[in-house]
Amino acid sequence: MPDYDPKTDIHVTAGPATGGGGLYFIVGALVVAVLVGAYFMFGAPGLHNNVARAPDRNVNVTVEQPRTPAQPAPANPAPAPQRQQ
């Protein structure tokens, strides 16, 4: 029968008792930041409306011509210049 010699000089030390709470907080904050950014970029209602809308005002513009000319016509028009032959 083989000799069985259990090693009794093995020393195991436990690590710190933390569960990585700081890492979970950082990862959670990053996930929330990505979700908020995605909401505003892709799904925010009313931000990405591609319909052009005019203001709700009824504008009526009427342009009237003057009733009398700005300057009266000359009484004796100047004679037309003669063409030379």
N, C-alpha and C. Protein backbone atom coordinates (compact mmCIF):
# COMPACT_ATOMS: atom_id res chain seq x y z
N MET A 1 0.81 -1.15 0.00
CA MET A 1 0.00 0.00 0.00
C MET A 1 0.87 1.23 0.00
N PRO A 2 0.44 2.26 -0.81
CA PRO A 2 1.28 3.45 -0.84
C PRO A 2 1.15 4.25 0.45
N ASP A 3 2.20 4.93 0.70
CA ASP A 3 2.19 5.77 1.90
C ASP A 3 1.40 7.04 1.62
N TYR A 4 0.52 7.40 2.48
CA TYR A 4 -0.27 8.62 2.35
C TYR A 4 0.26 9.62 3.33
N ASP A 5 0.78 10.74 2.82
CA ASP A 5 1.35 11.77 3.68
C ASP A 5 0.62 13.08 3.43
N PRO A 6 -0.40 13.42 4.20
CA PRO A 6 -1.10 14.68 4.00
C PRO A 6 -0.19 15.85 4.37
N LYS A 7 -0.24 16.88 3.56
CA LYS A 7 0.59 18.06 3.83
C LYS A 7 -0.16 18.93 4.83
N THR A 8 0.41 19.09 5.93
CA THR A 8 -0.23 19.87 6.99
C THR A 8 0.33 21.28 7.09
N ASP A 9 1.30 21.65 6.30
CA ASP A 9 1.90 22.96 6.41
C ASP A 9 1.37 23.96 5.35
N ILE A 10 0.20 23.71 4.77
CA ILE A 10 -0.39 24.63 3.80
C ILE A 10 -1.11 25.73 4.56
N HIS A 11 -0.78 26.99 4.20
CA HIS A 11 -1.40 28.14 4.84
C HIS A 11 -2.26 28.88 3.81
N VAL A 12 -3.53 29.00 4.08
CA VAL A 12 -4.46 29.70 3.20
C VAL A 12 -4.92 30.95 3.93
N THR A 13 -4.75 32.11 3.27
CA THR A 13 -5.21 33.36 3.87
C THR A 13 -6.38 33.89 3.05
N ALA A 14 -7.40 34.35 3.72
CA ALA A 14 -8.59 34.88 3.05
C ALA A 14 -8.33 36.33 2.66
N GLY A 15 -8.94 36.74 1.50
CA GLY A 15 -8.80 38.11 1.04
C GLY A 15 -9.75 39.01 1.82
N PRO A 16 -9.80 40.25 1.41
CA PRO A 16 -10.71 41.16 2.11
C PRO A 16 -12.17 40.71 1.95
N ALA A 17 -12.97 41.07 2.89
CA ALA A 17 -14.35 40.61 2.92
C ALA A 17 -15.28 41.48 2.07
N THR A 18 -14.76 42.35 1.23
CA THR A 18 -15.62 43.21 0.41
C THR A 18 -16.14 42.42 -0.79
N GLY A 19 -17.31 42.84 -1.27
CA GLY A 19 -17.90 42.17 -2.42
C GLY A 19 -17.75 42.97 -3.70
N GLY A 20 -16.88 43.97 -3.75
CA GLY A 20 -16.69 44.78 -4.95
C GLY A 20 -17.76 45.83 -5.10
N GLY A 21 -18.25 46.40 -4.02
CA GLY A 21 -19.32 47.39 -4.06
C GLY A 21 -18.96 48.64 -4.87
N GLY A 22 -17.73 49.08 -4.80
CA GLY A 22 -17.31 50.24 -5.56
C GLY A 22 -17.37 49.98 -7.06
N LEU A 23 -16.98 48.79 -7.46
CA LEU A 23 -17.02 48.42 -8.87
C LEU A 23 -18.46 48.35 -9.36
N TYR A 24 -19.34 47.79 -8.55
CA TYR A 24 -20.76 47.73 -8.93
C TYR A 24 -21.36 49.13 -9.07
N PHE A 25 -20.96 50.04 -8.21
CA PHE A 25 -21.47 51.42 -8.27
C PHE A 25 -21.01 52.10 -9.56
N ILE A 26 -19.75 51.94 -9.93
CA ILE A 26 -19.23 52.56 -11.14
C ILE A 26 -19.90 51.98 -12.38
N VAL A 27 -20.03 50.66 -12.44
CA VAL A 27 -20.68 50.04 -13.60
C VAL A 27 -22.14 50.46 -13.67
N GLY A 28 -22.82 50.53 -12.55
CA GLY A 28 -24.22 50.97 -12.54
C GLY A 28 -24.37 52.40 -13.00
N ALA A 29 -23.46 53.28 -12.58
CA ALA A 29 -23.51 54.68 -13.02
C ALA A 29 -23.28 54.79 -14.52
N LEU A 30 -22.38 53.99 -15.06
CA LEU A 30 -22.14 54.01 -16.50
C LEU A 30 -23.36 53.51 -17.28
N VAL A 31 -24.00 52.47 -16.76
CA VAL A 31 -25.20 51.95 -17.43
C VAL A 31 -26.31 53.00 -17.42
N VAL A 32 -26.51 53.67 -16.31
CA VAL A 32 -27.54 54.72 -16.23
C VAL A 32 -27.21 55.86 -17.19
N ALA A 33 -25.95 56.25 -17.27
CA ALA A 33 -25.56 57.34 -18.18
C ALA A 33 -25.82 56.95 -19.63
N VAL A 34 -25.53 55.71 -20.00
CA VAL A 34 -25.78 55.26 -21.37
C VAL A 34 -27.27 55.22 -21.66
N LEU A 35 -28.07 54.77 -20.72
CA LEU A 35 -29.52 54.71 -20.93
C LEU A 35 -30.12 56.11 -21.06
N VAL A 36 -29.68 57.05 -20.26
CA VAL A 36 -30.19 58.42 -20.35
C VAL A 36 -29.77 59.04 -21.69
N GLY A 37 -28.54 58.82 -22.11
CA GLY A 37 -28.09 59.32 -23.41
C GLY A 37 -28.88 58.72 -24.56
N ALA A 38 -29.16 57.43 -24.50
CA ALA A 38 -29.93 56.77 -25.55
C ALA A 38 -31.36 57.28 -25.57
N TYR A 39 -31.94 57.58 -24.42
CA TYR A 39 -33.30 58.11 -24.38
C TYR A 39 -33.38 59.44 -25.11
N PHE A 40 -32.42 60.33 -24.85
CA PHE A 40 -32.47 61.63 -25.49
C PHE A 40 -32.07 61.58 -26.96
N MET A 41 -31.23 60.64 -27.34
CA MET A 41 -30.82 60.57 -28.74
C MET A 41 -31.84 59.86 -29.62
N PHE A 42 -32.51 58.85 -29.10
CA PHE A 42 -33.37 58.03 -29.94
C PHE A 42 -34.85 58.12 -29.62
N GLY A 43 -35.21 58.36 -28.37
CA GLY A 43 -36.60 58.20 -28.03
C GLY A 43 -37.27 59.38 -27.37
N ALA A 44 -36.63 60.51 -27.26
CA ALA A 44 -37.27 61.64 -26.60
C ALA A 44 -38.42 62.14 -27.46
N PRO A 45 -39.63 62.15 -26.93
CA PRO A 45 -40.77 62.59 -27.74
C PRO A 45 -40.70 64.07 -28.06
N GLY A 46 -40.91 64.41 -29.32
CA GLY A 46 -40.97 65.80 -29.73
C GLY A 46 -39.65 66.43 -30.11
N LEU A 47 -38.53 65.75 -29.91
CA LEU A 47 -37.26 66.36 -30.26
C LEU A 47 -36.91 66.17 -31.73
N HIS A 48 -37.30 65.04 -32.30
CA HIS A 48 -36.94 64.73 -33.68
C HIS A 48 -38.17 64.73 -34.56
N ASN A 49 -38.81 65.87 -34.67
CA ASN A 49 -40.00 65.99 -35.49
C ASN A 49 -39.59 66.57 -36.83
N ASN A 50 -39.76 65.83 -37.91
CA ASN A 50 -39.30 66.27 -39.22
C ASN A 50 -40.36 67.00 -40.01
N VAL A 51 -41.46 67.39 -39.40
CA VAL A 51 -42.52 68.09 -40.09
C VAL A 51 -42.33 69.58 -39.88
N ALA A 52 -42.25 70.31 -40.98
CA ALA A 52 -42.10 71.76 -40.88
C ALA A 52 -43.48 72.37 -40.62
N ARG A 53 -43.56 73.21 -39.64
CA ARG A 53 -44.83 73.81 -39.26
C ARG A 53 -44.71 75.33 -39.31
N ALA A 54 -45.71 75.95 -39.90
CA ALA A 54 -45.78 77.41 -39.92
C ALA A 54 -46.44 77.88 -38.63
N PRO A 55 -46.17 79.09 -38.23
CA PRO A 55 -46.85 79.59 -37.03
C PRO A 55 -48.35 79.70 -37.26
N ASP A 56 -49.10 79.62 -36.20
CA ASP A 56 -50.56 79.66 -36.28
C ASP A 56 -51.05 81.10 -36.36
N ARG A 57 -50.64 81.82 -37.38
CA ARG A 57 -51.06 83.21 -37.55
C ARG A 57 -51.58 83.37 -38.97
N ASN A 58 -52.65 84.13 -39.10
CA ASN A 58 -53.18 84.42 -40.42
C ASN A 58 -52.72 85.81 -40.81
N VAL A 59 -51.83 85.89 -41.79
CA VAL A 59 -51.26 87.16 -42.22
C VAL A 59 -51.86 87.51 -43.57
N ASN A 60 -52.49 88.69 -43.65
CA ASN A 60 -53.09 89.16 -44.89
C ASN A 60 -52.39 90.45 -45.27
N VAL A 61 -51.72 90.44 -46.42
CA VAL A 61 -50.99 91.62 -46.88
C VAL A 61 -51.68 92.13 -48.14
N THR A 62 -52.07 93.39 -48.11
CA THR A 62 -52.71 94.02 -49.26
C THR A 62 -51.88 95.24 -49.65
N VAL A 63 -51.47 95.27 -50.91
CA VAL A 63 -50.69 96.40 -51.42
C VAL A 63 -51.56 97.13 -52.42
N GLU A 64 -51.81 98.41 -52.17
CA GLU A 64 -52.64 99.21 -53.06
C GLU A 64 -51.76 100.14 -53.88
N GLN A 65 -52.13 100.29 -55.15
CA GLN A 65 -51.41 101.19 -56.03
C GLN A 65 -51.84 102.63 -55.74
N PRO A 66 -50.93 103.58 -55.93
CA PRO A 66 -51.32 104.98 -55.70
C PRO A 66 -52.36 105.42 -56.74
N ARG A 67 -53.27 106.28 -56.32
CA ARG A 67 -54.36 106.73 -57.20
C ARG A 67 -53.88 107.77 -58.22
N THR A 68 -52.93 108.60 -57.89
CA THR A 68 -52.40 109.61 -58.81
C THR A 68 -50.93 109.33 -59.02
N PRO A 69 -50.40 109.71 -60.18
CA PRO A 69 -48.97 109.49 -60.39
C PRO A 69 -48.14 110.34 -59.44
N ALA A 70 -46.95 109.91 -59.20
CA ALA A 70 -46.07 110.62 -58.27
C ALA A 70 -45.71 112.00 -58.81
N GLN A 71 -45.43 112.15 -60.13
CA GLN A 71 -45.10 113.43 -60.74
C GLN A 71 -46.03 113.63 -61.94
N PRO A 72 -46.51 114.84 -62.14
CA PRO A 72 -47.37 115.07 -63.30
C PRO A 72 -46.57 114.97 -64.59
N ALA A 73 -47.24 114.58 -65.65
CA ALA A 73 -46.59 114.46 -66.95
C ALA A 73 -46.26 115.87 -67.46
N PRO A 74 -45.16 116.05 -68.20
CA PRO A 74 -44.82 117.38 -68.71
C PRO A 74 -45.85 117.83 -69.76
N ALA A 75 -46.13 119.14 -69.79
CA ALA A 75 -47.13 119.69 -70.70
C ALA A 75 -46.67 119.60 -72.14
N ASN A 76 -45.43 119.98 -72.43
CA ASN A 76 -44.87 119.91 -73.78
C ASN A 76 -43.70 118.94 -73.76
N PRO A 77 -43.88 117.77 -74.28
CA PRO A 77 -42.73 116.84 -74.27
C PRO A 77 -41.63 117.34 -75.21
N ALA A 78 -40.42 116.99 -74.91
CA ALA A 78 -39.27 117.40 -75.73
C ALA A 78 -39.37 116.69 -77.07
N PRO A 79 -38.98 117.38 -78.16
CA PRO A 79 -39.03 116.74 -79.47
C PRO A 79 -38.01 115.63 -79.57
N ALA A 80 -38.35 114.63 -80.35
CA ALA A 80 -37.44 113.49 -80.52
C ALA A 80 -36.26 113.94 -81.35
N PRO A 81 -35.08 113.46 -81.07
CA PRO A 81 -33.91 113.85 -81.85
C PRO A 81 -34.02 113.33 -83.29
N GLN A 82 -33.53 114.15 -84.24
CA GLN A 82 -33.56 113.79 -85.66
C GLN A 82 -32.42 112.86 -86.00
N ARG A 83 -32.75 111.91 -86.81
CA ARG A 83 -31.69 111.00 -87.26
C ARG A 83 -30.97 111.62 -88.44
N GLN A 84 -29.70 111.56 -88.46
CA GLN A 84 -28.93 112.10 -89.58
C GLN A 84 -28.77 111.02 -90.63
N GLN A 85 -28.87 111.48 -91.90
CA GLN A 85 -28.74 110.50 -92.98
C GLN A 85 -27.44 110.60 -93.66
